[in-house]
Amino acid sequence: MSDVTDLKYLNGYPADLLAQVQTLLAENRLGEYLLKKYPEQHEIRTDKALYRYVADLRQAHLKNAPAIDKVLYDSKLDVVKHALGLHTALSRNHGGRLVAKKEIRIGSVFRELPADFLKMIVVHELAHLKEMEHNKAFYQLCEYMQPGYAQLEFDLRLYLTWRSVEAKKDC
């Protein structure tokens, strides 16, 4: 059976749910379940394509939100920030006035993950344009932009757990 440390992406979930996940991992059924549920891959491989994808989602759901200046895949994000996505607002003094630039960085792991998971993390980062905190309004906005958001977030955590366990097996 997998070690509790293998479940780092599932911290805070109830013990009975974690036991179910450990059972699926021990029986080598978690990957099969997830690949069957999320078979669709995406073609968004470049930073330019990712920028267009994010801009289209922003335009569809958050027309009044500030424009995004930069969007990119970041290979260092998970390692350095312990995050899968990151939104930043950089302020610079430019000719005596303050100019703010909005950036969204998405962990490069999302290049290879199913399309639903890429959309989920983009929706999460876009929601931060309106709501900075992870509060009720934030999650309501995520749900508005992507119905079923909470389930997708949980399934992403399962997927990352499964990949982590599989990577340890390969070592």
C-alpha atoms as a PDB file:
ATOM      1  CA  MET A   1       0.000   0.000   0.000  1.00  0.00           C
ATOM      2  CA  SER A   2       1.212   3.539  -0.724  1.00  0.00           C
ATOM      3  CA  ASP A   3       2.724   5.669   1.999  1.00  0.00           C
ATOM      4  CA  VAL A   4       0.810   8.643   3.418  1.00  0.00           C
ATOM      5  CA  THR A   5       3.638  10.871   2.162  1.00  0.00           C
ATOM      6  CA  ASP A   6       2.564   9.903  -1.368  1.00  0.00           C
ATOM      7  CA  LEU A   7      -0.654  11.833  -0.742  1.00  0.00           C
ATOM      8  CA  LYS A   8       0.876  15.327  -0.424  1.00  0.00           C
ATOM      9  CA  TYR A   9      -1.534  16.722  -3.025  1.00  0.00           C
ATOM     10  CA  LEU A  10      -4.491  15.521  -0.940  1.00  0.00           C
ATOM     11  CA  ASN A  11      -3.659  17.168   2.396  1.00  0.00           C
ATOM     12  CA  GLY A  12      -6.784  18.257   4.221  1.00  0.00           C
ATOM     13  CA  TYR A  13      -9.132  15.678   2.731  1.00  0.00           C
ATOM     14  CA  PRO A  14     -10.998  13.270   5.075  1.00  0.00           C
ATOM     15  CA  ALA A  15      -9.227  10.089   6.207  1.00  0.00           C
ATOM     16  CA  ASP A  16     -11.869   7.793   4.686  1.00  0.00           C
ATOM     17  CA  LEU A  17     -11.361   9.414   1.281  1.00  0.00           C
ATOM     18  CA  LEU A  18      -7.587   9.071   1.599  1.00  0.00           C
ATOM     19  CA  ALA A  19      -8.046   5.389   2.470  1.00  0.00           C
ATOM     20  CA  GLN A  20     -10.018   4.912  -0.753  1.00  0.00           C
ATOM     21  CA  VAL A  21      -7.244   6.597  -2.738  1.00  0.00           C
ATOM     22  CA  GLN A  22      -4.623   4.392  -1.067  1.00  0.00           C
ATOM     23  CA  THR A  23      -6.649   1.301  -1.961  1.00  0.00           C
ATOM     24  CA  LEU A  24      -6.876   2.374  -5.616  1.00  0.00           C
ATOM     25  CA  LEU A  25      -3.130   3.012  -5.647  1.00  0.00           C
ATOM     26  CA  ALA A  26      -2.343  -0.336  -4.017  1.00  0.00           C
ATOM     27  CA  GLU A  27      -4.511  -2.136  -6.582  1.00  0.00           C
ATOM     28  CA  ASN A  28      -2.962  -0.133  -9.462  1.00  0.00           C
ATOM     29  CA  ARG A  29      -6.409   1.102 -10.509  1.00  0.00           C
ATOM     30  CA  LEU A  30      -6.116   4.861  -9.983  1.00  0.00           C
ATOM     31  CA  GLY A  31      -4.319   5.562 -13.261  1.00  0.00           C
ATOM     32  CA  GLU A  32      -6.763   3.465 -15.260  1.00  0.00           C
ATOM     33  CA  TYR A  33      -9.706   5.295 -13.671  1.00  0.00           C
ATOM     34  CA  LEU A  34      -8.242   8.740 -14.375  1.00  0.00           C
ATOM     35  CA  LEU A  35      -7.158   8.007 -17.947  1.00  0.00           C
ATOM     36  CA  LYS A  36     -10.603   6.659 -18.728  1.00  0.00           C
ATOM     37  CA  LYS A  37     -12.312   9.697 -17.181  1.00  0.00           C
ATOM     38  CA  TYR A  38      -9.956  12.247 -18.800  1.00  0.00           C
ATOM     39  CA  PRO A  39      -8.793  10.842 -22.150  1.00  0.00           C
ATOM     40  CA  GLU A  40      -8.750  14.146 -24.050  1.00  0.00           C
ATOM     41  CA  GLN A  41      -5.357  15.761 -24.505  1.00  0.00           C
ATOM     42  CA  HIS A  42      -4.865  19.334 -25.701  1.00  0.00           C
ATOM     43  CA  GLU A  43      -2.685  20.903 -28.367  1.00  0.00           C
ATOM     44  CA  ILE A  44      -1.665  23.988 -26.382  1.00  0.00           C
ATOM     45  CA  ARG A  45       2.076  23.418 -26.265  1.00  0.00           C
ATOM     46  CA  THR A  46       3.607  26.864 -26.777  1.00  0.00           C
ATOM     47  CA  ASP A  47       3.489  29.992 -24.639  1.00  0.00           C
ATOM     48  CA  LYS A  48       1.880  31.848 -27.550  1.00  0.00           C
ATOM     49  CA  ALA A  49      -0.941  29.290 -27.823  1.00  0.00           C
ATOM     50  CA  LEU A  50      -1.363  29.352 -24.039  1.00  0.00           C
ATOM     51  CA  TYR A  51      -1.645  33.152 -24.083  1.00  0.00           C
ATOM     52  CA  ARG A  52      -4.398  32.970 -26.724  1.00  0.00           C
ATOM     53  CA  TYR A  53      -6.209  30.273 -24.729  1.00  0.00           C
ATOM     54  CA  VAL A  54      -6.091  32.328 -21.509  1.00  0.00           C
ATOM     55  CA  ALA A  55      -7.126  35.527 -23.322  1.00  0.00           C
ATOM     56  CA  ASP A  56     -10.117  33.757 -24.896  1.00  0.00           C
ATOM     57  CA  LEU A  57     -11.277  32.404 -21.514  1.00  0.00           C
ATOM     58  CA  ARG A  58     -10.817  35.818 -19.920  1.00  0.00           C
ATOM     59  CA  GLN A  59     -12.830  37.466 -22.690  1.00  0.00           C
ATOM     60  CA  ALA A  60     -15.617  34.898 -22.399  1.00  0.00           C
ATOM     61  CA  HIS A  61     -16.018  35.109 -18.613  1.00  0.00           C
ATOM     62  CA  LEU A  62     -14.243  38.174 -17.211  1.00  0.00           C
ATOM     63  CA  LYS A  63     -14.668  40.973 -19.749  1.00  0.00           C
ATOM     64  CA  ASN A  64     -14.142  43.684 -17.126  1.00  0.00           C
ATOM     65  CA  ALA A  65     -11.049  42.099 -15.586  1.00  0.00           C
ATOM     66  CA  PRO A  66      -7.692  43.718 -16.292  1.00  0.00           C
ATOM     67  CA  ALA A  67      -5.846  42.615 -19.406  1.00  0.00           C
ATOM     68  CA  ILE A  68      -3.103  40.036 -19.021  1.00  0.00           C
ATOM     69  CA  ASP A  69       0.291  41.082 -20.296  1.00  0.00           C
ATOM     70  CA  LYS A  70       2.112  37.772 -20.219  1.00  0.00           C
ATOM     71  CA  VAL A  71       1.191  34.082 -20.017  1.00  0.00           C
ATOM     72  CA  LEU A  72       3.692  31.249 -20.111  1.00  0.00           C
ATOM     73  CA  TYR A  73       4.496  27.708 -19.111  1.00  0.00           C
ATOM     74  CA  ASP A  74       7.040  27.718 -16.277  1.00  0.00           C
ATOM     75  CA  SER A  75       9.178  24.611 -15.738  1.00  0.00           C
ATOM     76  CA  LYS A  76      10.444  25.860 -12.357  1.00  0.00           C
ATOM     77  CA  LEU A  77       7.075  26.678 -10.855  1.00  0.00           C
ATOM     78  CA  ASP A  78       6.337  23.436  -9.000  1.00  0.00           C
ATOM     79  CA  VAL A  79       9.859  23.131  -7.643  1.00  0.00           C
ATOM     80  CA  VAL A  80      10.388  26.746  -6.587  1.00  0.00           C
ATOM     81  CA  LYS A  81       6.925  27.938  -5.554  1.00  0.00           C
ATOM     82  CA  HIS A  82       5.248  24.631  -4.626  1.00  0.00           C
ATOM     83  CA  ALA A  83       2.426  25.752  -6.886  1.00  0.00           C
ATOM     84  CA  LEU A  84       1.006  24.671 -10.222  1.00  0.00           C
ATOM     85  CA  GLY A  85      -0.034  28.123 -11.366  1.00  0.00           C
ATOM     86  CA  LEU A  86       0.910  31.625 -10.369  1.00  0.00           C
ATOM     87  CA  HIS A  87      -0.547  35.054 -11.004  1.00  0.00           C
ATOM     88  CA  THR A  88       1.518  38.145 -10.410  1.00  0.00           C
ATOM     89  CA  ALA A  89       1.011  41.869 -10.687  1.00  0.00           C
ATOM     90  CA  LEU A  90       4.322  43.585 -11.207  1.00  0.00           C
ATOM     91  CA  SER A  91       4.398  47.329 -10.632  1.00  0.00           C
ATOM     92  CA  ARG A  92       7.118  49.427 -12.192  1.00  0.00           C
ATOM     93  CA  ASN A  93       7.844  53.131 -12.155  1.00  0.00           C
ATOM     94  CA  HIS A  94       7.726  54.271 -15.763  1.00  0.00           C
ATOM     95  CA  GLY A  95       8.230  57.974 -16.460  1.00  0.00           C
ATOM     96  CA  GLY A  96       6.986  59.070 -13.063  1.00  0.00           C
ATOM     97  CA  ARG A  97       3.886  56.874 -13.116  1.00  0.00           C
ATOM     98  CA  LEU A  98       3.258  53.399 -11.817  1.00  0.00           C
ATOM     99  CA  VAL A  99       2.554  50.761 -14.480  1.00  0.00           C
ATOM    100  CA  ALA A 100       1.138  47.392 -13.438  1.00  0.00           C
ATOM    101  CA  LYS A 101       1.725  44.280 -15.528  1.00  0.00           C
ATOM    102  CA  LYS A 102      -0.351  41.138 -14.970  1.00  0.00           C
ATOM    103  CA  GLU A 103       1.282  37.753 -15.553  1.00  0.00           C
ATOM    104  CA  ILE A 104       0.027  34.203 -15.357  1.00  0.00           C
ATOM    105  CA  ARG A 105       2.489  31.327 -15.159  1.00  0.00           C
ATOM    106  CA  ILE A 106       1.293  27.756 -15.546  1.00  0.00           C
ATOM    107  CA  GLY A 107       3.401  24.795 -14.448  1.00  0.00           C
ATOM    108  CA  SER A 108       4.916  23.130 -17.507  1.00  0.00           C
ATOM    109  CA  VAL A 109       3.486  19.809 -16.297  1.00  0.00           C
ATOM    110  CA  PHE A 110       0.180  21.035 -17.788  1.00  0.00           C
ATOM    111  CA  ARG A 111       1.590  20.719 -21.314  1.00  0.00           C
ATOM    112  CA  GLU A 112       1.134  16.970 -20.981  1.00  0.00           C
ATOM    113  CA  LEU A 113      -1.971  16.737 -18.769  1.00  0.00           C
ATOM    114  CA  PRO A 114      -5.540  16.305 -20.015  1.00  0.00           C
ATOM    115  CA  ALA A 115      -7.332  19.348 -21.445  1.00  0.00           C
ATOM    116  CA  ASP A 116      -9.775  19.587 -18.523  1.00  0.00           C
ATOM    117  CA  PHE A 117      -6.910  20.005 -16.066  1.00  0.00           C
ATOM    118  CA  LEU A 118      -5.285  22.772 -18.111  1.00  0.00           C
ATOM    119  CA  LYS A 119      -8.609  24.619 -18.213  1.00  0.00           C
ATOM    120  CA  MET A 120      -9.045  24.132 -14.459  1.00  0.00           C
ATOM    121  CA  ILE A 121      -5.683  25.692 -13.589  1.00  0.00           C
ATOM    122  CA  VAL A 122      -6.203  28.567 -16.054  1.00  0.00           C
ATOM    123  CA  VAL A 123      -9.655  29.242 -14.577  1.00  0.00           C
ATOM    124  CA  HIS A 124      -8.088  29.209 -11.106  1.00  0.00           C
ATOM    125  CA  GLU A 125      -5.465  31.785 -12.056  1.00  0.00           C
ATOM    126  CA  LEU A 126      -7.971  33.950 -13.945  1.00  0.00           C
ATOM    127  CA  ALA A 127     -10.259  33.986 -10.900  1.00  0.00           C
ATOM    128  CA  HIS A 128      -7.420  35.651  -9.002  1.00  0.00           C
ATOM    129  CA  LEU A 129      -7.842  38.699 -11.253  1.00  0.00           C
ATOM    130  CA  LYS A 130     -11.130  39.354  -9.419  1.00  0.00           C
ATOM    131  CA  GLU A 131     -10.631  37.595  -6.057  1.00  0.00           C
ATOM    132  CA  MET A 132      -7.155  37.402  -4.548  1.00  0.00           C
ATOM    133  CA  GLU A 133      -8.052  35.122  -1.630  1.00  0.00           C
ATOM    134  CA  HIS A 134      -9.214  31.511  -1.791  1.00  0.00           C
ATOM    135  CA  ASN A 135     -12.588  32.348  -0.298  1.00  0.00           C
ATOM    136  CA  LYS A 136     -16.195  31.480  -1.093  1.00  0.00           C
ATOM    137  CA  ALA A 137     -16.473  34.183  -3.779  1.00  0.00           C
ATOM    138  CA  PHE A 138     -13.289  32.884  -5.422  1.00  0.00           C
ATOM    139  CA  TYR A 139     -14.594  29.322  -5.686  1.00  0.00           C
ATOM    140  CA  GLN A 140     -18.011  30.545  -6.880  1.00  0.00           C
ATOM    141  CA  LEU A 141     -16.246  32.434  -9.668  1.00  0.00           C
ATOM    142  CA  CYS A 142     -14.231  29.315 -10.577  1.00  0.00           C
ATOM    143  CA  GLU A 143     -17.450  27.277 -10.668  1.00  0.00           C
ATOM    144  CA  TYR A 144     -19.088  29.928 -12.878  1.00  0.00           C
ATOM    145  CA  MET A 145     -16.215  29.806 -15.381  1.00  0.00           C
ATOM    146  CA  GLN A 146     -15.937  26.018 -15.291  1.00  0.00           C
ATOM    147  CA  PRO A 147     -18.921  24.071 -13.987  1.00  0.00           C
ATOM    148  CA  GLY A 148     -17.716  21.097 -11.952  1.00  0.00           C
ATOM    149  CA  TYR A 149     -14.580  22.990 -10.918  1.00  0.00           C
ATOM    150  CA  ALA A 150     -14.374  21.427  -7.428  1.00  0.00           C
ATOM    151  CA  GLN A 151     -14.461  17.884  -8.823  1.00  0.00           C
ATOM    152  CA  LEU A 152     -11.832  18.771 -11.418  1.00  0.00           C
ATOM    153  CA  GLU A 153      -9.566  20.223  -8.736  1.00  0.00           C
ATOM    154  CA  PHE A 154      -9.883  17.029  -6.708  1.00  0.00           C
ATOM    155  CA  ASP A 155      -9.311  14.839  -9.779  1.00  0.00           C
ATOM    156  CA  LEU A 156      -6.227  16.882 -10.670  1.00  0.00           C
ATOM    157  CA  ARG A 157      -4.900  16.230  -7.179  1.00  0.00           C
ATOM    158  CA  LEU A 158      -5.581  12.510  -7.734  1.00  0.00           C
ATOM    159  CA  TYR A 159      -3.811  12.633 -11.089  1.00  0.00           C
ATOM    160  CA  LEU A 160      -0.740  14.322  -9.612  1.00  0.00           C
ATOM    161  CA  THR A 161      -0.726  11.818  -6.745  1.00  0.00           C
ATOM    162  CA  TRP A 162      -0.866   8.924  -9.214  1.00  0.00           C
ATOM    163  CA  ARG A 163       1.968  10.391 -11.315  1.00  0.00           C
ATOM    164  CA  SER A 164       4.065  10.944  -8.196  1.00  0.00           C
ATOM    165  CA  VAL A 165       3.592   7.336  -7.058  1.00  0.00           C
ATOM    166  CA  GLU A 166       4.378   6.036 -10.560  1.00  0.00           C
ATOM    167  CA  ALA A 167       7.549   8.147 -10.719  1.00  0.00           C
ATOM    168  CA  LYS A 168       8.724   6.615  -7.415  1.00  0.00           C
ATOM    169  CA  LYS A 169       8.145   3.116  -8.819  1.00  0.00           C
ATOM    170  CA  ASP A 170      10.361   3.916 -11.814  1.00  0.00           C
ATOM    171  CA  CYS A 171      13.273   4.955  -9.576  1.00  0.00           C
END
